[in-house]
Amino acid sequence: MPTQHFLAATLLLISAATCAAPAWAYTQHEAHLHGQVELNMAQDGNDLLLEITAPAADVTGFEHPPETDAEQQALKDAVQTLNRPDTLLALNAEAGCQLHEHHVSHTLSEHTETHNHDHEHEKHSDHDHDEHEGHDHHDHEQHSEHDHDDHERPSKHGEFSIQYTYHCEAIDKLSTLTLKWFAQFPATEKIQLQAITAKGQHATTLTASQAEFRF
């Protein structure tokens, strides 16, 4: 489960995107278009919050639960890559931005799988896991059929959701975002960027040939 900080960050990103360009309303409905990724960015004081929504087909090459060893490995490799944002994007060094927290989730399993990376969260992860396993088996069976129906439909349009939070020592010097995403996931044709920072609101489309955004 995301930490309280990430819940606040998500609310901020939703608010930012709602206030941004009208194209946001359109891209929300087009989130499952293959080759199209959404990137929302919002500044919160000295923190920079980024949220990426990507079709699973762009990230793994398929959008259904993995059925073979090769697909299992592809999913594992994709999650490992997404957990290393330095391989996906770069902020100009003058801003002094350091990754503070990140969260990766996807819908390529019967129940949404999440990977939350936060030191405080990791201290409690084992305890939380034990509590989850201790849930009444009857309750699980009671909801299993309903859960299966709920997840069967989304699995046809599997997607990844990734949040990165950076703390920047000199966020006023933030001027450039360079995406390396296209090198890691070449199936992506374009990334729709929505950003709200102290420098204003921005909306643009980034591609492999134009992967740098200047604030």
N, C-alpha and C. Protein backbone atom coordinates (compact mmCIF):
# COMPACT_ATOMS: atom_id res chain seq x y z
N MET A 1 0.84 -1.19 0.00
CA MET A 1 0.00 0.00 0.00
C MET A 1 0.88 1.24 0.00
N PRO A 2 0.54 2.25 -0.82
CA PRO A 2 1.35 3.46 -0.86
C PRO A 2 1.36 4.15 0.49
N THR A 3 2.43 4.85 0.80
CA THR A 3 2.54 5.57 2.05
C THR A 3 1.65 6.79 2.02
N GLN A 4 1.50 7.43 3.20
CA GLN A 4 0.68 8.63 3.30
C GLN A 4 1.21 9.71 2.37
N HIS A 5 2.54 9.78 2.24
CA HIS A 5 3.14 10.79 1.37
C HIS A 5 2.71 10.56 -0.08
N PHE A 6 2.68 9.30 -0.49
CA PHE A 6 2.30 9.03 -1.87
C PHE A 6 0.83 9.27 -2.10
N LEU A 7 -0.01 9.04 -1.09
CA LEU A 7 -1.42 9.34 -1.25
C LEU A 7 -1.61 10.83 -1.47
N ALA A 8 -0.88 11.64 -0.71
CA ALA A 8 -0.95 13.09 -0.89
C ALA A 8 -0.41 13.48 -2.26
N ALA A 9 0.66 12.82 -2.67
CA ALA A 9 1.25 13.12 -3.97
C ALA A 9 0.27 12.80 -5.10
N THR A 10 -0.42 11.68 -4.97
CA THR A 10 -1.38 11.30 -6.00
C THR A 10 -2.51 12.30 -6.11
N LEU A 11 -3.01 12.75 -4.95
CA LEU A 11 -4.07 13.76 -4.95
C LEU A 11 -3.59 15.04 -5.62
N LEU A 12 -2.35 15.41 -5.35
CA LEU A 12 -1.80 16.62 -5.94
C LEU A 12 -1.70 16.48 -7.46
N LEU A 13 -1.25 15.32 -7.91
CA LEU A 13 -1.12 15.09 -9.34
C LEU A 13 -2.47 15.13 -10.03
N ILE A 14 -3.48 14.53 -9.39
CA ILE A 14 -4.83 14.55 -9.96
C ILE A 14 -5.33 15.97 -10.07
N SER A 15 -5.12 16.73 -9.00
CA SER A 15 -5.55 18.13 -8.99
C SER A 15 -4.82 18.93 -10.06
N ALA A 16 -3.52 18.68 -10.18
CA ALA A 16 -2.72 19.40 -11.16
C ALA A 16 -3.19 19.09 -12.57
N ALA A 17 -3.41 17.82 -12.83
CA ALA A 17 -3.81 17.43 -14.17
C ALA A 17 -5.19 17.96 -14.52
N THR A 18 -6.08 18.02 -13.54
CA THR A 18 -7.42 18.53 -13.77
C THR A 18 -7.39 20.00 -14.15
N CYS A 19 -6.43 20.73 -13.56
CA CYS A 19 -6.33 22.16 -13.82
C CYS A 19 -5.52 22.47 -15.07
N ALA A 20 -4.86 21.46 -15.62
CA ALA A 20 -3.98 21.70 -16.76
C ALA A 20 -4.78 21.77 -18.06
N ALA A 21 -4.09 21.56 -19.16
CA ALA A 21 -4.71 21.73 -20.47
C ALA A 21 -5.91 20.81 -20.65
N PRO A 22 -6.91 21.23 -21.44
CA PRO A 22 -8.09 20.40 -21.68
C PRO A 22 -7.76 19.04 -22.26
N ALA A 23 -6.58 18.90 -22.85
CA ALA A 23 -6.21 17.61 -23.45
C ALA A 23 -6.18 16.51 -22.41
N TRP A 24 -6.05 16.87 -21.13
CA TRP A 24 -6.02 15.85 -20.07
C TRP A 24 -7.27 15.00 -20.09
N ALA A 25 -8.42 15.63 -20.25
CA ALA A 25 -9.67 14.88 -20.26
C ALA A 25 -9.68 13.86 -21.39
N TYR A 26 -9.07 14.23 -22.51
CA TYR A 26 -9.02 13.32 -23.65
C TYR A 26 -8.05 12.18 -23.40
N THR A 27 -6.86 12.49 -22.92
CA THR A 27 -5.84 11.45 -22.75
C THR A 27 -6.23 10.45 -21.69
N GLN A 28 -7.03 10.85 -20.70
CA GLN A 28 -7.47 9.90 -19.69
C GLN A 28 -8.26 8.78 -20.36
N HIS A 29 -9.08 9.11 -21.36
CA HIS A 29 -9.88 8.10 -22.03
C HIS A 29 -9.06 7.29 -23.00
N GLU A 30 -7.88 7.80 -23.38
CA GLU A 30 -7.04 7.12 -24.34
C GLU A 30 -5.85 6.43 -23.67
N ALA A 31 -5.94 6.20 -22.35
CA ALA A 31 -4.80 5.70 -21.59
C ALA A 31 -4.32 4.34 -22.09
N HIS A 32 -5.21 3.57 -22.75
CA HIS A 32 -4.84 2.22 -23.16
C HIS A 32 -4.41 2.14 -24.61
N LEU A 33 -4.24 3.27 -25.26
CA LEU A 33 -3.73 3.25 -26.63
C LEU A 33 -2.30 2.73 -26.63
N HIS A 34 -2.05 1.69 -27.40
CA HIS A 34 -0.69 1.19 -27.50
C HIS A 34 0.20 2.27 -28.10
N GLY A 35 1.40 2.39 -27.55
CA GLY A 35 2.33 3.38 -28.05
C GLY A 35 2.19 4.75 -27.44
N GLN A 36 1.20 4.93 -26.57
CA GLN A 36 0.99 6.24 -25.95
C GLN A 36 1.06 6.14 -24.43
N VAL A 37 1.94 6.92 -23.85
CA VAL A 37 2.16 6.94 -22.40
C VAL A 37 1.80 8.32 -21.86
N GLU A 38 1.28 8.35 -20.64
CA GLU A 38 0.96 9.62 -19.98
C GLU A 38 1.98 9.90 -18.88
N LEU A 39 2.45 11.13 -18.82
CA LEU A 39 3.36 11.56 -17.76
C LEU A 39 2.82 12.85 -17.17
N ASN A 40 2.46 12.80 -15.89
CA ASN A 40 1.98 13.98 -15.17
C ASN A 40 3.03 14.39 -14.15
N MET A 41 3.27 15.68 -14.06
CA MET A 41 4.30 16.21 -13.17
C MET A 41 3.73 17.38 -12.38
N ALA A 42 4.05 17.43 -11.09
CA ALA A 42 3.59 18.53 -10.26
C ALA A 42 4.65 18.87 -9.23
N GLN A 43 4.84 20.15 -9.01
CA GLN A 43 5.78 20.62 -7.99
C GLN A 43 5.04 20.87 -6.70
N ASP A 44 5.61 20.41 -5.59
CA ASP A 44 5.05 20.64 -4.26
C ASP A 44 6.17 21.14 -3.37
N GLY A 45 6.35 22.45 -3.33
CA GLY A 45 7.47 23.01 -2.59
C GLY A 45 8.77 22.62 -3.24
N ASN A 46 9.63 21.93 -2.48
CA ASN A 46 10.91 21.45 -3.02
C ASN A 46 10.81 20.02 -3.55
N ASP A 47 9.61 19.47 -3.57
CA ASP A 47 9.41 18.12 -4.09
C ASP A 47 8.84 18.18 -5.50
N LEU A 48 9.28 17.23 -6.30
CA LEU A 48 8.77 17.10 -7.66
C LEU A 48 8.13 15.72 -7.77
N LEU A 49 6.87 15.69 -8.14
CA LEU A 49 6.10 14.46 -8.19
C LEU A 49 5.82 14.09 -9.64
N LEU A 50 6.15 12.87 -10.03
CA LEU A 50 5.90 12.40 -11.39
C LEU A 50 5.07 11.14 -11.34
N GLU A 51 4.07 11.06 -12.21
CA GLU A 51 3.24 9.87 -12.31
C GLU A 51 3.16 9.45 -13.77
N ILE A 52 3.46 8.20 -14.04
CA ILE A 52 3.46 7.66 -15.39
C ILE A 52 2.42 6.56 -15.50
N THR A 53 1.61 6.62 -16.54
CA THR A 53 0.66 5.56 -16.85
C THR A 53 0.99 5.04 -18.24
N ALA A 54 1.27 3.74 -18.32
CA ALA A 54 1.73 3.16 -19.59
C ALA A 54 0.98 1.88 -19.90
N PRO A 55 0.60 1.66 -21.16
CA PRO A 55 0.00 0.39 -21.55
C PRO A 55 1.00 -0.74 -21.31
N ALA A 56 0.51 -1.85 -20.77
CA ALA A 56 1.41 -2.97 -20.51
C ALA A 56 2.07 -3.47 -21.78
N ALA A 57 1.38 -3.36 -22.91
CA ALA A 57 1.97 -3.81 -24.17
C ALA A 57 3.23 -3.04 -24.51
N ASP A 58 3.29 -1.76 -24.12
CA ASP A 58 4.49 -0.97 -24.36
C ASP A 58 5.65 -1.44 -23.49
N VAL A 59 5.32 -1.86 -22.28
CA VAL A 59 6.35 -2.16 -21.28
C VAL A 59 6.83 -3.61 -21.36
N THR A 60 5.91 -4.54 -21.57
CA THR A 60 6.27 -5.96 -21.55
C THR A 60 6.13 -6.65 -22.90
N GLY A 61 5.36 -6.03 -23.81
CA GLY A 61 5.09 -6.67 -25.09
C GLY A 61 3.78 -7.44 -25.10
N PHE A 62 3.09 -7.47 -23.96
CA PHE A 62 1.78 -8.13 -23.87
C PHE A 62 0.96 -7.42 -22.80
N GLU A 63 -0.36 -7.64 -22.81
CA GLU A 63 -1.22 -6.96 -21.85
C GLU A 63 -2.15 -7.92 -21.12
N HIS A 64 -1.76 -9.18 -21.06
CA HIS A 64 -2.52 -10.19 -20.33
C HIS A 64 -1.62 -10.74 -19.23
N PRO A 65 -2.18 -11.44 -18.25
CA PRO A 65 -1.33 -12.07 -17.24
C PRO A 65 -0.31 -12.99 -17.90
N PRO A 66 0.93 -12.98 -17.44
CA PRO A 66 1.97 -13.81 -18.07
C PRO A 66 1.59 -15.28 -18.06
N GLU A 67 1.78 -15.93 -19.21
CA GLU A 67 1.38 -17.32 -19.36
C GLU A 67 2.55 -18.27 -19.57
N THR A 68 3.71 -17.72 -19.88
CA THR A 68 4.88 -18.55 -20.14
C THR A 68 6.04 -18.07 -19.28
N ASP A 69 7.08 -18.89 -19.21
CA ASP A 69 8.27 -18.49 -18.47
C ASP A 69 8.88 -17.22 -19.07
N ALA A 70 8.84 -17.13 -20.39
CA ALA A 70 9.40 -15.95 -21.05
C ALA A 70 8.63 -14.69 -20.67
N GLU A 71 7.31 -14.81 -20.60
CA GLU A 71 6.49 -13.65 -20.22
C GLU A 71 6.69 -13.30 -18.75
N GLN A 72 6.83 -14.30 -17.90
CA GLN A 72 7.13 -14.05 -16.49
C GLN A 72 8.44 -13.28 -16.36
N GLN A 73 9.44 -13.68 -17.13
CA GLN A 73 10.74 -13.01 -17.06
C GLN A 73 10.63 -11.59 -17.62
N ALA A 74 9.86 -11.42 -18.69
CA ALA A 74 9.69 -10.09 -19.27
C ALA A 74 9.04 -9.15 -18.27
N LEU A 75 8.06 -9.64 -17.53
CA LEU A 75 7.40 -8.83 -16.51
C LEU A 75 8.37 -8.48 -15.39
N LYS A 76 9.13 -9.46 -14.95
CA LYS A 76 10.12 -9.22 -13.89
C LYS A 76 11.14 -8.18 -14.33
N ASP A 77 11.63 -8.31 -15.55
CA ASP A 77 12.62 -7.36 -16.07
C ASP A 77 12.03 -5.96 -16.16
N ALA A 78 10.78 -5.87 -16.59
CA ALA A 78 10.13 -4.56 -16.73
C ALA A 78 10.01 -3.87 -15.38
N VAL A 79 9.59 -4.62 -14.38
CA VAL A 79 9.43 -4.04 -13.04
C VAL A 79 10.79 -3.58 -12.51
N GLN A 80 11.83 -4.37 -12.74
CA GLN A 80 13.17 -3.97 -12.30
C GLN A 80 13.59 -2.67 -12.97
N THR A 81 13.30 -2.54 -14.24
CA THR A 81 13.64 -1.30 -14.96
C THR A 81 12.87 -0.12 -14.41
N LEU A 82 11.58 -0.30 -14.18
CA LEU A 82 10.74 0.78 -13.66
C LEU A 82 11.15 1.19 -12.25
N ASN A 83 11.77 0.29 -11.53
CA ASN A 83 12.26 0.61 -10.19
C ASN A 83 13.60 1.34 -10.23
N ARG A 84 14.09 1.62 -11.42
CA ARG A 84 15.35 2.37 -11.59
C ARG A 84 15.07 3.59 -12.47
N PRO A 85 14.46 4.61 -11.91
CA PRO A 85 14.08 5.77 -12.72
C PRO A 85 15.25 6.48 -13.40
N ASP A 86 16.47 6.27 -12.89
CA ASP A 86 17.62 6.89 -13.53
C ASP A 86 17.83 6.36 -14.94
N THR A 87 17.28 5.18 -15.24
CA THR A 87 17.38 4.63 -16.59
C THR A 87 16.25 5.12 -17.48
N LEU A 88 15.30 5.85 -16.91
CA LEU A 88 14.12 6.28 -17.65
C LEU A 88 14.04 7.78 -17.87
N LEU A 89 14.64 8.55 -16.96
CA LEU A 89 14.55 10.01 -17.07
C LEU A 89 15.70 10.66 -16.33
N ALA A 90 15.92 11.93 -16.66
CA ALA A 90 16.97 12.70 -15.99
C ALA A 90 16.52 14.14 -15.85
N LEU A 91 16.81 14.73 -14.69
CA LEU A 91 16.55 16.14 -14.42
C LEU A 91 17.89 16.86 -14.40
N ASN A 92 17.91 18.10 -14.86
CA ASN A 92 19.19 18.81 -14.92
C ASN A 92 19.85 18.87 -13.55
N ALA A 93 21.16 18.63 -13.51
CA ALA A 93 21.91 18.47 -12.26
C ALA A 93 21.85 19.70 -11.37
N GLU A 94 21.71 20.89 -11.96
CA GLU A 94 21.72 22.12 -11.17
C GLU A 94 20.60 22.17 -10.14
N ALA A 95 19.51 21.45 -10.40
CA ALA A 95 18.37 21.46 -9.47
C ALA A 95 18.63 20.62 -8.23
N GLY A 96 19.63 19.75 -8.27
CA GLY A 96 19.97 18.93 -7.11
C GLY A 96 18.85 18.01 -6.67
N CYS A 97 18.20 17.35 -7.61
CA CYS A 97 17.07 16.47 -7.30
C CYS A 97 17.53 15.05 -7.01
N GLN A 98 17.06 14.51 -5.89
CA GLN A 98 17.37 13.15 -5.50
C GLN A 98 16.07 12.37 -5.32
N LEU A 99 16.06 11.12 -5.79
CA LEU A 99 14.87 10.29 -5.64
C LEU A 99 14.59 10.05 -4.16
N HIS A 100 13.38 10.34 -3.75
CA HIS A 100 12.98 10.18 -2.35
C HIS A 100 12.13 8.93 -2.15
N GLU A 101 11.28 8.64 -3.11
CA GLU A 101 10.34 7.53 -2.97
C GLU A 101 9.81 7.15 -4.35
N HIS A 102 9.51 5.88 -4.55
CA HIS A 102 8.86 5.49 -5.78
C HIS A 102 7.98 4.28 -5.59
N HIS A 103 7.00 4.17 -6.47
CA HIS A 103 5.97 3.14 -6.35
C HIS A 103 5.61 2.64 -7.74
N VAL A 104 5.63 1.33 -7.92
CA VAL A 104 5.31 0.72 -9.22
C VAL A 104 4.17 -0.27 -9.03
N SER A 105 3.15 -0.18 -9.86
CA SER A 105 2.05 -1.15 -9.81
C SER A 105 1.64 -1.52 -11.23
N HIS A 106 1.01 -2.68 -11.37
CA HIS A 106 0.53 -3.11 -12.68
C HIS A 106 -0.68 -4.01 -12.50
N THR A 107 -1.37 -4.26 -13.59
CA THR A 107 -2.60 -5.05 -13.54
C THR A 107 -2.46 -6.38 -14.28
N LEU A 108 -1.24 -6.86 -14.41
CA LEU A 108 -1.01 -8.11 -15.14
C LEU A 108 -1.06 -9.34 -14.23
N SER A 109 -1.93 -9.30 -13.26
CA SER A 109 -2.14 -10.45 -12.40
C SER A 109 -3.57 -10.39 -11.90
N GLU A 110 -4.04 -11.47 -11.31
CA GLU A 110 -5.43 -11.54 -10.87
C GLU A 110 -5.74 -10.43 -9.89
N HIS A 111 -4.77 -10.14 -9.03
CA HIS A 111 -4.89 -9.02 -8.10
C HIS A 111 -3.76 -8.06 -8.41
N THR A 112 -4.06 -6.77 -8.44
CA THR A 112 -3.06 -5.76 -8.79
C THR A 112 -1.82 -5.92 -7.92
N GLU A 113 -0.68 -6.02 -8.56
CA GLU A 113 0.60 -6.19 -7.86
C GLU A 113 1.27 -4.83 -7.71
N THR A 114 1.80 -4.57 -6.52
CA THR A 114 2.45 -3.29 -6.28
C THR A 114 3.86 -3.50 -5.77
N HIS A 115 4.72 -2.55 -6.06
CA HIS A 115 6.10 -2.55 -5.58
C HIS A 115 6.37 -1.16 -5.03
N ASN A 116 6.33 -1.03 -3.71
CA ASN A 116 6.50 0.28 -3.08
C ASN A 116 7.87 0.34 -2.44
N HIS A 117 8.65 1.36 -2.77
CA HIS A 117 10.00 1.46 -2.25
C HIS A 117 10.14 2.69 -1.37
N ASP A 118 10.10 2.43 -0.08
CA ASP A 118 10.25 3.47 0.92
C ASP A 118 10.80 2.80 2.17
N HIS A 119 11.82 3.40 2.78
CA HIS A 119 12.47 2.74 3.92
C HIS A 119 11.50 2.45 5.04
N GLU A 120 10.64 3.38 5.36
CA GLU A 120 9.69 3.18 6.46
C GLU A 120 8.71 2.07 6.11
N HIS A 121 8.28 2.05 4.84
CA HIS A 121 7.35 1.01 4.41
C HIS A 121 7.99 -0.37 4.50
N GLU A 122 9.24 -0.47 4.09
CA GLU A 122 9.90 -1.77 4.07
C GLU A 122 10.05 -2.35 5.47
N LYS A 123 10.16 -1.49 6.49
CA LYS A 123 10.28 -1.98 7.86
C LYS A 123 9.03 -2.74 8.28
N HIS A 124 7.89 -2.34 7.70
CA HIS A 124 6.63 -2.94 8.12
C HIS A 124 6.09 -3.94 7.11
N SER A 125 6.80 -4.16 6.00
CA SER A 125 6.25 -4.97 4.93
C SER A 125 5.99 -6.41 5.37
N ASP A 126 6.93 -7.00 6.13
CA ASP A 126 6.75 -8.38 6.57
C ASP A 126 5.53 -8.50 7.46
N HIS A 127 5.36 -7.54 8.37
CA HIS A 127 4.23 -7.58 9.28
C HIS A 127 2.92 -7.45 8.52
N ASP A 128 2.88 -6.53 7.56
CA ASP A 128 1.67 -6.33 6.78
C ASP A 128 1.35 -7.58 5.98
N HIS A 129 2.39 -8.25 5.47
CA HIS A 129 2.18 -9.46 4.68
C HIS A 129 1.58 -10.56 5.54
N ASP A 130 2.07 -10.70 6.78
CA ASP A 130 1.54 -11.71 7.67
C ASP A 130 0.08 -11.44 7.99
N GLU A 131 -0.25 -10.15 8.21
CA GLU A 131 -1.63 -9.81 8.52
C GLU A 131 -2.54 -10.15 7.34
N HIS A 132 -2.05 -9.90 6.14
CA HIS A 132 -2.86 -10.18 4.96
C HIS A 132 -3.10 -11.68 4.82
N GLU A 133 -2.07 -12.48 5.08
CA GLU A 133 -2.22 -13.92 4.95
C GLU A 133 -3.15 -14.48 6.02
N GLY A 134 -3.30 -13.74 7.12
CA GLY A 134 -4.14 -14.20 8.20
C GLY A 134 -5.60 -13.89 8.01
N HIS A 135 -5.99 -13.26 6.91
CA HIS A 135 -7.38 -12.95 6.64
C HIS A 135 -8.18 -14.24 6.53
N ASP A 136 -9.42 -14.18 6.95
CA ASP A 136 -10.27 -15.36 6.97
C ASP A 136 -10.41 -15.97 5.59
N HIS A 137 -10.20 -17.27 5.49
CA HIS A 137 -10.23 -17.94 4.21
C HIS A 137 -11.63 -17.91 3.61
N HIS A 138 -12.64 -17.99 4.47
CA HIS A 138 -14.01 -17.97 3.99
C HIS A 138 -14.32 -16.64 3.32
N ASP A 139 -13.84 -15.55 3.91
CA ASP A 139 -14.06 -14.24 3.30
C ASP A 139 -13.41 -14.17 1.93
N HIS A 140 -12.22 -14.77 1.83
CA HIS A 140 -11.52 -14.76 0.55
C HIS A 140 -12.33 -15.50 -0.51
N GLU A 141 -12.88 -16.68 -0.14
CA GLU A 141 -13.66 -17.44 -1.10
C GLU A 141 -14.93 -16.71 -1.47
N GLN A 142 -15.49 -16.00 -0.48
CA GLN A 142 -16.73 -15.30 -0.71
C GLN A 142 -16.58 -14.23 -1.78
N HIS A 143 -15.39 -13.63 -1.83
CA HIS A 143 -15.16 -12.54 -2.76
C HIS A 143 -14.39 -12.98 -4.01
N SER A 144 -13.91 -14.22 -4.04
CA SER A 144 -13.02 -14.62 -5.12
C SER A 144 -13.69 -14.53 -6.48
N GLU A 145 -14.95 -14.98 -6.56
CA GLU A 145 -15.63 -14.95 -7.84
C GLU A 145 -15.84 -13.53 -8.30
N HIS A 146 -16.23 -12.66 -7.37
CA HIS A 146 -16.43 -11.25 -7.70
C HIS A 146 -15.13 -10.60 -8.12
N ASP A 147 -14.06 -10.90 -7.39
CA ASP A 147 -12.76 -10.33 -7.71
C ASP A 147 -12.30 -10.79 -9.09
N HIS A 148 -12.57 -12.05 -9.39
CA HIS A 148 -12.14 -12.57 -10.68
C HIS A 148 -12.82 -11.82 -11.81
N ASP A 149 -14.12 -11.58 -11.65
CA ASP A 149 -14.85 -10.84 -12.68
C ASP A 149 -14.32 -9.44 -12.83
N ASP A 150 -14.01 -8.80 -11.67
CA ASP A 150 -13.52 -7.43 -11.70
C ASP A 150 -12.19 -7.33 -12.42
N HIS A 151 -11.32 -8.33 -12.23
CA HIS A 151 -9.97 -8.23 -12.77
C HIS A 151 -9.86 -8.81 -14.17
N GLU A 152 -10.83 -9.63 -14.55
CA GLU A 152 -10.74 -10.24 -15.87
C GLU A 152 -10.86 -9.20 -16.97
N ARG A 153 -11.75 -8.23 -16.78
CA ARG A 153 -11.93 -7.20 -17.80
C ARG A 153 -10.71 -6.29 -17.93
N PRO A 154 -10.18 -5.73 -16.79
CA PRO A 154 -9.01 -4.87 -16.92
C PRO A 154 -7.80 -5.58 -17.52
N SER A 155 -7.71 -6.91 -17.34
CA SER A 155 -6.54 -7.62 -17.84
C SER A 155 -6.44 -7.53 -19.36
N LYS A 156 -7.59 -7.23 -20.03
CA LYS A 156 -7.56 -7.08 -21.47
C LYS A 156 -6.84 -5.80 -21.87
N HIS A 157 -6.75 -4.88 -20.94
CA HIS A 157 -6.06 -3.61 -21.19
C HIS A 157 -5.09 -3.37 -20.04
N GLY A 158 -4.16 -4.29 -19.86
CA GLY A 158 -3.21 -4.18 -18.76
C GLY A 158 -2.41 -2.89 -18.84
N GLU A 159 -2.07 -2.37 -17.68
CA GLU A 159 -1.29 -1.14 -17.65
C GLU A 159 -0.39 -1.09 -16.43
N PHE A 160 0.58 -0.21 -16.51
CA PHE A 160 1.49 0.07 -15.41
C PHE A 160 1.23 1.48 -14.91
N SER A 161 1.35 1.64 -13.61
CA SER A 161 1.26 2.97 -12.99
C SER A 161 2.50 3.14 -12.12
N ILE A 162 3.22 4.22 -12.36
CA ILE A 162 4.49 4.45 -11.66
C ILE A 162 4.50 5.86 -11.10
N GLN A 163 4.90 5.98 -9.84
CA GLN A 163 5.06 7.31 -9.22
C GLN A 163 6.48 7.46 -8.71
N TYR A 164 7.08 8.60 -9.01
CA TYR A 164 8.40 8.95 -8.51
C TYR A 164 8.30 10.28 -7.78
N THR A 165 8.92 10.36 -6.59
CA THR A 165 8.99 11.62 -5.86
C THR A 165 10.45 12.00 -5.69
N TYR A 166 10.79 13.19 -6.13
CA TYR A 166 12.15 13.72 -6.00
C TYR A 166 12.14 14.90 -5.04
N HIS A 167 13.20 14.99 -4.23
CA HIS A 167 13.41 16.18 -3.40
C HIS A 167 14.56 16.96 -4.01
N CYS A 168 14.31 18.23 -4.30
CA CYS A 168 15.29 19.05 -5.02
C CYS A 168 15.82 20.16 -4.12
N GLU A 169 17.13 20.20 -3.97
CA GLU A 169 17.76 21.22 -3.12
C GLU A 169 17.63 22.61 -3.72
N ALA A 170 17.61 22.70 -5.04
CA ALA A 170 17.50 24.00 -5.72
C ALA A 170 16.47 23.88 -6.83
N ILE A 171 15.23 23.65 -6.43
CA ILE A 171 14.19 23.38 -7.43
C ILE A 171 13.94 24.58 -8.33
N ASP A 172 14.33 25.78 -7.86
CA ASP A 172 14.18 26.97 -8.71
C ASP A 172 15.08 26.90 -9.94
N LYS A 173 16.09 26.01 -9.88
CA LYS A 173 17.01 25.85 -11.02
C LYS A 173 16.59 24.70 -11.94
N LEU A 174 15.45 24.09 -11.63
CA LEU A 174 14.96 23.02 -12.48
C LEU A 174 14.58 23.58 -13.85
N SER A 175 15.19 23.07 -14.89
CA SER A 175 14.94 23.63 -16.22
C SER A 175 14.73 22.58 -17.30
N THR A 176 15.18 21.34 -17.06
CA THR A 176 15.13 20.35 -18.13
C THR A 176 14.75 18.97 -17.62
N LEU A 177 13.87 18.32 -18.34
CA LEU A 177 13.54 16.91 -18.13
C LEU A 177 13.89 16.17 -19.42
N THR A 178 14.77 15.18 -19.29
CA THR A 178 15.17 14.39 -20.45
C THR A 178 14.68 12.96 -20.26
N LEU A 179 13.91 12.46 -21.21
CA LEU A 179 13.36 11.11 -21.10
C LEU A 179 14.25 10.09 -21.80
N LYS A 180 14.55 9.01 -21.07
CA LYS A 180 15.27 7.87 -21.65
C LYS A 180 14.31 6.69 -21.87
N TRP A 181 13.05 6.94 -21.59
CA TRP A 181 12.02 5.91 -21.66
C TRP A 181 12.01 5.20 -23.01
N PHE A 182 12.15 5.98 -24.08
CA PHE A 182 12.03 5.41 -25.42
C PHE A 182 13.12 4.38 -25.71
N ALA A 183 14.28 4.55 -25.11
CA ALA A 183 15.36 3.58 -25.30
C ALA A 183 15.06 2.28 -24.58
N GLN A 184 14.41 2.37 -23.43
CA GLN A 184 14.07 1.19 -22.65
C GLN A 184 12.84 0.48 -23.19
N PHE A 185 11.87 1.26 -23.65
CA PHE A 185 10.60 0.71 -24.12
C PHE A 185 10.29 1.29 -25.51
N PRO A 186 10.95 0.78 -26.55
CA PRO A 186 10.82 1.34 -27.90
C PRO A 186 9.43 1.22 -28.51
N ALA A 187 8.55 0.41 -27.91
CA ALA A 187 7.19 0.30 -28.43
C ALA A 187 6.40 1.59 -28.20
N THR A 188 6.86 2.42 -27.27
CA THR A 188 6.20 3.70 -27.01
C THR A 188 6.52 4.67 -28.13
N GLU A 189 5.48 5.22 -28.73
CA GLU A 189 5.66 6.17 -29.83
C GLU A 189 5.67 7.61 -29.33
N LYS A 190 4.89 7.89 -28.29
CA LYS A 190 4.84 9.26 -27.78
C LYS A 190 4.44 9.26 -26.31
N ILE A 191 4.86 10.31 -25.63
CA ILE A 191 4.51 10.51 -24.23
C ILE A 191 3.82 11.86 -24.10
N GLN A 192 2.60 11.83 -23.59
CA GLN A 192 1.84 13.05 -23.36
C GLN A 192 2.22 13.59 -21.99
N LEU A 193 2.85 14.75 -21.97
CA LEU A 193 3.31 15.35 -20.72
C LEU A 193 2.39 16.48 -20.28
N GLN A 194 1.97 16.42 -19.02
CA GLN A 194 1.24 17.50 -18.37
C GLN A 194 2.06 17.88 -17.14
N ALA A 195 2.37 19.16 -16.99
CA ALA A 195 3.21 19.59 -15.87
C ALA A 195 2.71 20.89 -15.27
N ILE A 196 2.76 20.95 -13.95
CA ILE A 196 2.49 22.19 -13.24
C ILE A 196 3.62 22.42 -12.25
N THR A 197 4.38 23.48 -12.46
CA THR A 197 5.48 23.84 -11.57
C THR A 197 5.34 25.32 -11.23
N ALA A 198 6.30 25.81 -10.46
CA ALA A 198 6.29 27.23 -10.11
C ALA A 198 6.44 28.11 -11.35
N LYS A 199 6.91 27.51 -12.44
CA LYS A 199 7.10 28.26 -13.68
C LYS A 199 5.86 28.26 -14.56
N GLY A 200 4.81 27.57 -14.13
CA GLY A 200 3.57 27.59 -14.87
C GLY A 200 3.09 26.21 -15.28
N GLN A 201 2.04 26.20 -16.10
CA GLN A 201 1.45 24.97 -16.61
C GLN A 201 1.99 24.67 -18.00
N HIS A 202 2.21 23.38 -18.25
CA HIS A 202 2.79 22.98 -19.52
C HIS A 202 2.09 21.73 -20.02
N ALA A 203 1.92 21.63 -21.31
CA ALA A 203 1.39 20.43 -21.94
C ALA A 203 2.11 20.25 -23.27
N THR A 204 2.68 19.08 -23.47
CA THR A 204 3.42 18.84 -24.72
C THR A 204 3.47 17.35 -25.01
N THR A 205 3.92 17.02 -26.19
CA THR A 205 4.10 15.63 -26.60
C THR A 205 5.58 15.38 -26.86
N LEU A 206 6.11 14.34 -26.23
CA LEU A 206 7.51 13.97 -26.40
C LEU A 206 7.61 12.68 -27.20
N THR A 207 8.66 12.58 -28.00
CA THR A 207 8.89 11.40 -28.83
C THR A 207 10.36 11.00 -28.73
N ALA A 208 10.70 9.89 -29.36
CA ALA A 208 12.09 9.42 -29.32
C ALA A 208 13.03 10.45 -29.94
N SER A 209 12.56 11.17 -30.93
CA SER A 209 13.40 12.17 -31.59
C SER A 209 13.35 13.53 -30.89
N GLN A 210 12.37 13.72 -30.03
CA GLN A 210 12.25 14.95 -29.25
C GLN A 210 11.90 14.57 -27.82
N ALA A 211 12.92 14.12 -27.08
CA ALA A 211 12.70 13.55 -25.75
C ALA A 211 13.08 14.49 -24.62
N GLU A 212 13.37 15.74 -24.95
CA GLU A 212 13.77 16.70 -23.91
C GLU A 212 12.71 17.78 -23.77
N PHE A 213 12.36 18.07 -22.52
CA PHE A 213 11.39 19.13 -22.23
C PHE A 213 12.06 20.20 -21.39
N ARG A 214 11.89 21.45 -21.81
CA ARG A 214 12.45 22.58 -21.07
C ARG A 214 11.33 23.37 -20.43
N PHE A 215 11.49 23.65 -19.14
CA PHE A 215 10.46 24.37 -18.40
C PHE A 215 10.49 25.85 -18.76
